Amino acid sequence: MIYDRIVDFRIEQIGWPTSKTDFISKGIKYYEVFEDFPYQNTDVKIIDSNTMDFTYNQHIKDVGKFKKTEKVDLNSYGGSVKFY
């Protein structure tokens, strides 16, 4: 769902979001999509007006496990999506 909202943002705002804060500040439909987003860290890298990289990591479950075990999961959840 978040990927659809990023595309909606691009069309409606005539540009990519510059950050998570920028994204959620543009309306409730953008804010709501992040309510259940299971990652604490997001990064946006705008290449040009047609291309953007959206990266996310620090899955909430991984952070919780680290607090209990103090061990880092080498196969932790995260990812990157390229829009063009």
N, C-alpha and C. Protein backbone atom coordinates (compact mmCIF):
# COMPACT_ATOMS: atom_id res chain seq x y z
N MET A 1 0.82 -1.20 0.00
CA MET A 1 0.00 0.00 0.00
C MET A 1 0.86 1.27 0.00
N ILE A 2 1.99 1.21 0.70
CA ILE A 2 2.84 2.40 0.79
C ILE A 2 3.39 2.80 -0.59
N TYR A 3 3.68 1.81 -1.41
CA TYR A 3 4.22 2.10 -2.74
C TYR A 3 3.19 2.83 -3.60
N ASP A 4 1.93 2.42 -3.49
CA ASP A 4 0.86 3.11 -4.22
C ASP A 4 0.74 4.56 -3.76
N ARG A 5 0.86 4.77 -2.45
CA ARG A 5 0.75 6.13 -1.92
C ARG A 5 1.93 7.00 -2.36
N ILE A 6 3.10 6.42 -2.50
CA ILE A 6 4.25 7.18 -2.99
C ILE A 6 3.99 7.64 -4.42
N VAL A 7 3.43 6.76 -5.23
CA VAL A 7 3.09 7.12 -6.61
C VAL A 7 2.00 8.20 -6.61
N ASP A 8 0.98 8.03 -5.75
CA ASP A 8 -0.06 9.06 -5.63
C ASP A 8 0.54 10.41 -5.26
N PHE A 9 1.46 10.39 -4.32
CA PHE A 9 2.12 11.62 -3.89
C PHE A 9 2.82 12.28 -5.06
N ARG A 10 3.55 11.50 -5.82
CA ARG A 10 4.29 12.02 -6.99
C ARG A 10 3.35 12.71 -7.97
N ILE A 11 2.21 12.09 -8.22
CA ILE A 11 1.24 12.63 -9.17
C ILE A 11 0.56 13.89 -8.61
N GLU A 12 0.11 13.82 -7.35
CA GLU A 12 -0.65 14.92 -6.76
C GLU A 12 0.24 16.11 -6.38
N GLN A 13 1.43 15.86 -5.91
CA GLN A 13 2.32 16.93 -5.45
C GLN A 13 3.31 17.37 -6.53
N ILE A 14 3.27 16.68 -7.67
CA ILE A 14 4.16 16.96 -8.80
C ILE A 14 5.64 16.90 -8.37
N GLY A 15 5.95 15.85 -7.64
CA GLY A 15 7.32 15.63 -7.20
C GLY A 15 7.37 14.53 -6.16
N TRP A 16 8.56 14.01 -5.93
CA TRP A 16 8.74 12.95 -4.94
C TRP A 16 8.77 13.54 -3.53
N PRO A 17 8.39 12.75 -2.53
CA PRO A 17 8.55 13.23 -1.15
C PRO A 17 10.04 13.31 -0.82
N THR A 18 10.44 14.30 -0.07
CA THR A 18 11.85 14.44 0.28
C THR A 18 12.24 13.66 1.53
N SER A 19 11.23 13.28 2.32
CA SER A 19 11.47 12.53 3.55
C SER A 19 10.15 11.94 4.03
N LYS A 20 10.22 11.12 5.06
CA LYS A 20 9.01 10.56 5.66
C LYS A 20 8.15 11.70 6.23
N THR A 21 8.79 12.67 6.85
CA THR A 21 8.07 13.81 7.42
C THR A 21 7.33 14.59 6.35
N ASP A 22 8.00 14.84 5.24
CA ASP A 22 7.36 15.53 4.12
C ASP A 22 6.17 14.72 3.62
N PHE A 23 6.35 13.42 3.50
CA PHE A 23 5.31 12.53 3.00
C PHE A 23 4.07 12.57 3.88
N ILE A 24 4.23 12.36 5.19
CA ILE A 24 3.06 12.27 6.07
C ILE A 24 2.42 13.62 6.34
N SER A 25 3.13 14.71 6.06
CA SER A 25 2.57 16.04 6.31
C SER A 25 1.60 16.49 5.23
N LYS A 26 1.50 15.75 4.13
CA LYS A 26 0.68 16.18 3.01
C LYS A 26 -0.76 15.67 3.04
N GLY A 27 -1.14 14.96 4.09
CA GLY A 27 -2.53 14.54 4.19
C GLY A 27 -2.70 13.24 4.94
N ILE A 28 -3.92 12.99 5.34
CA ILE A 28 -4.24 11.83 6.16
C ILE A 28 -3.98 10.51 5.43
N LYS A 29 -4.21 10.46 4.13
CA LYS A 29 -4.00 9.20 3.41
C LYS A 29 -2.53 8.82 3.36
N TYR A 30 -1.65 9.81 3.44
CA TYR A 30 -0.21 9.53 3.48
C TYR A 30 0.23 9.18 4.90
N TYR A 31 -0.38 9.85 5.87
CA TYR A 31 -0.07 9.57 7.27
C TYR A 31 -0.50 8.15 7.66
N GLU A 32 -1.70 7.78 7.25
CA GLU A 32 -2.26 6.47 7.63
C GLU A 32 -1.43 5.30 7.14
N VAL A 33 -0.82 5.41 5.99
CA VAL A 33 -0.07 4.30 5.43
C VAL A 33 1.17 3.98 6.28
N PHE A 34 1.65 4.95 7.03
CA PHE A 34 2.81 4.71 7.90
C PHE A 34 2.43 4.21 9.29
N GLU A 35 1.15 4.21 9.64
CA GLU A 35 0.74 3.74 10.97
C GLU A 35 1.12 2.29 11.21
N ASP A 36 0.99 1.44 10.22
CA ASP A 36 1.30 0.02 10.36
C ASP A 36 2.59 -0.38 9.66
N PHE A 37 3.38 0.59 9.23
CA PHE A 37 4.63 0.30 8.53
C PHE A 37 5.61 -0.27 9.54
N PRO A 38 6.12 -1.50 9.31
CA PRO A 38 6.89 -2.19 10.35
C PRO A 38 8.38 -1.83 10.43
N TYR A 39 8.78 -0.71 9.86
CA TYR A 39 10.19 -0.32 9.88
C TYR A 39 10.35 1.03 10.55
N GLN A 40 11.40 1.17 11.34
CA GLN A 40 11.64 2.42 12.05
C GLN A 40 12.40 3.44 11.22
N ASN A 41 13.22 2.99 10.32
CA ASN A 41 14.07 3.90 9.56
C ASN A 41 13.69 3.88 8.08
N THR A 42 13.52 5.06 7.51
CA THR A 42 13.26 5.18 6.08
C THR A 42 14.19 6.26 5.51
N ASP A 43 14.54 6.10 4.26
CA ASP A 43 15.38 7.08 3.60
C ASP A 43 14.90 7.25 2.16
N VAL A 44 14.88 8.47 1.71
CA VAL A 44 14.47 8.80 0.35
C VAL A 44 15.66 9.43 -0.36
N LYS A 45 15.96 8.91 -1.54
CA LYS A 45 17.04 9.50 -2.35
C LYS A 45 16.44 9.83 -3.71
N ILE A 46 16.28 11.11 -3.98
CA ILE A 46 15.71 11.56 -5.25
C ILE A 46 16.86 11.68 -6.25
N ILE A 47 16.77 10.91 -7.32
CA ILE A 47 17.79 10.92 -8.36
C ILE A 47 17.51 12.07 -9.34
N ASP A 48 16.29 12.12 -9.83
CA ASP A 48 15.84 13.21 -10.70
C ASP A 48 14.32 13.26 -10.62
N SER A 49 13.69 14.05 -11.46
CA SER A 49 12.23 14.21 -11.37
C SER A 49 11.46 12.93 -11.68
N ASN A 50 12.11 11.97 -12.31
CA ASN A 50 11.44 10.72 -12.67
C ASN A 50 11.91 9.52 -11.86
N THR A 51 12.97 9.64 -11.08
CA THR A 51 13.58 8.50 -10.41
C THR A 51 13.81 8.78 -8.93
N MET A 52 13.45 7.80 -8.09
CA MET A 52 13.65 7.92 -6.65
C MET A 52 13.93 6.55 -6.07
N ASP A 53 14.79 6.49 -5.04
CA ASP A 53 15.04 5.27 -4.28
C ASP A 53 14.43 5.45 -2.90
N PHE A 54 13.67 4.45 -2.47
CA PHE A 54 13.06 4.45 -1.13
C PHE A 54 13.63 3.25 -0.38
N THR A 55 14.35 3.51 0.71
CA THR A 55 15.01 2.46 1.47
C THR A 55 14.41 2.42 2.87
N TYR A 56 14.25 1.21 3.40
CA TYR A 56 13.72 1.05 4.75
C TYR A 56 14.48 -0.08 5.46
N ASN A 57 14.66 0.10 6.78
CA ASN A 57 15.32 -0.91 7.59
C ASN A 57 14.95 -0.74 9.06
N GLN A 58 15.61 -1.47 9.92
CA GLN A 58 15.31 -1.53 11.35
C GLN A 58 13.88 -1.98 11.60
N HIS A 59 13.62 -3.22 11.20
CA HIS A 59 12.31 -3.82 11.42
C HIS A 59 12.02 -3.83 12.92
N ILE A 60 10.82 -3.50 13.31
CA ILE A 60 10.45 -3.39 14.71
C ILE A 60 10.72 -4.69 15.47
N LYS A 61 10.48 -5.84 14.86
CA LYS A 61 10.75 -7.12 15.51
C LYS A 61 12.24 -7.30 15.76
N ASP A 62 13.08 -6.89 14.81
CA ASP A 62 14.53 -7.01 14.97
C ASP A 62 15.02 -6.12 16.12
N VAL A 63 14.50 -4.92 16.21
CA VAL A 63 14.90 -4.00 17.27
C VAL A 63 14.52 -4.59 18.62
N GLY A 64 13.33 -5.17 18.70
CA GLY A 64 12.89 -5.81 19.95
C GLY A 64 13.77 -6.98 20.34
N LYS A 65 14.15 -7.80 19.36
CA LYS A 65 15.04 -8.94 19.64
C LYS A 65 16.39 -8.47 20.12
N PHE A 66 16.92 -7.41 19.51
CA PHE A 66 18.22 -6.89 19.91
C PHE A 66 18.20 -6.41 21.35
N LYS A 67 17.13 -5.75 21.75
CA LYS A 67 17.03 -5.26 23.13
C LYS A 67 17.05 -6.41 24.13
N LYS A 68 16.47 -7.56 23.75
CA LYS A 68 16.43 -8.71 24.65
C LYS A 68 17.74 -9.50 24.64
N THR A 69 18.30 -9.73 23.46
CA THR A 69 19.46 -10.62 23.33
C THR A 69 20.78 -9.89 23.13
N GLU A 70 20.74 -8.62 22.76
CA GLU A 70 21.92 -7.82 22.41
C GLU A 70 22.73 -8.45 21.28
N LYS A 71 22.06 -9.20 20.43
CA LYS A 71 22.69 -9.80 19.26
C LYS A 71 22.01 -9.26 18.01
N VAL A 72 22.83 -8.96 17.02
CA VAL A 72 22.33 -8.44 15.75
C VAL A 72 22.01 -9.60 14.83
N ASP A 73 20.84 -9.57 14.21
CA ASP A 73 20.45 -10.59 13.24
C ASP A 73 21.03 -10.19 11.88
N LEU A 74 21.96 -11.01 11.38
CA LEU A 74 22.59 -10.70 10.11
C LEU A 74 21.63 -10.77 8.94
N ASN A 75 20.52 -11.46 9.11
CA ASN A 75 19.51 -11.57 8.06
C ASN A 75 18.31 -10.68 8.38
N SER A 76 18.55 -9.53 8.95
CA SER A 76 17.46 -8.66 9.37
C SER A 76 16.65 -8.18 8.18
N TYR A 77 15.43 -7.82 8.47
CA TYR A 77 14.51 -7.34 7.44
C TYR A 77 14.91 -5.93 7.00
N GLY A 78 14.63 -5.62 5.77
CA GLY A 78 14.87 -4.30 5.22
C GLY A 78 14.79 -4.39 3.72
N GLY A 79 14.84 -3.28 3.05
CA GLY A 79 14.77 -3.34 1.61
C GLY A 79 14.87 -1.98 0.97
N SER A 80 14.79 -2.02 -0.34
CA SER A 80 14.88 -0.80 -1.14
C SER A 80 13.99 -0.96 -2.37
N VAL A 81 13.33 0.12 -2.73
CA VAL A 81 12.46 0.12 -3.91
C VAL A 81 12.88 1.29 -4.79
N LYS A 82 13.02 1.02 -6.07
CA LYS A 82 13.36 2.08 -7.03
C LYS A 82 12.12 2.45 -7.82
N PHE A 83 11.81 3.72 -7.84
CA PHE A 83 10.69 4.23 -8.62
C PHE A 83 11.26 4.96 -9.83
N TYR A 84 10.73 4.62 -11.00
CA TYR A 84 11.12 5.32 -12.23
C TYR A 84 10.08 5.18 -13.29
